């Protein structure tokens, strides 16, 4: 965290440990999904930190929100990610977007090699608010296999439209196919004061 001493001098310090509370965590291998049903009106901002490897090559990591223990599969997921990449043949930037999809892509075609971890930081704002739709922020990284063979980083936002985006009680991350291996996930809530 960046702070000032009051005289205009800036320095970095560790974030105060009291600002976030850890609600739950999951570790394991051979997992078909990772689900957190921890959203409530107690907190307004939640952050999920996750890392894993894939059991099969070229599989996406996906996300859906949940309500009262049920995955929301309606076509109300909208997202826009910038996608810088680097391969042995060069680098560039592209975009990965969707409008009214039935899930969110967190990655595209991750590698199954243990040496190629997938990781992300995911923030969701006001998931349990009944008066407005939730929005999310994502930063993810992964090695895309399946011919691309490139190291990629996604940054962007997600909008959960219609009733899909209000009164959310949970979230699920799952592979397009296969399982998660070497998974380490934690969910945190930011205290309001």
Foldseek 3Di string as FASTA:
>chain_A
DWDDPVPPDIDDDDDDPPFKDWDDKDWFFQAQKDKDLADDPQFFKKKKKKKFAFQAFFKWKKKFFAAPPHTQQWQQKWKKKKKWKAAPVGTDIDIDIDGRHRIGTLDTGAGRDPVWMKIKMKMKGRQAAQPDFIKMWMWIWGQHDPPPRITMIITIMMTGDDPSRYRTRMMMIGINDTGTGRMIMIMMGGHPD
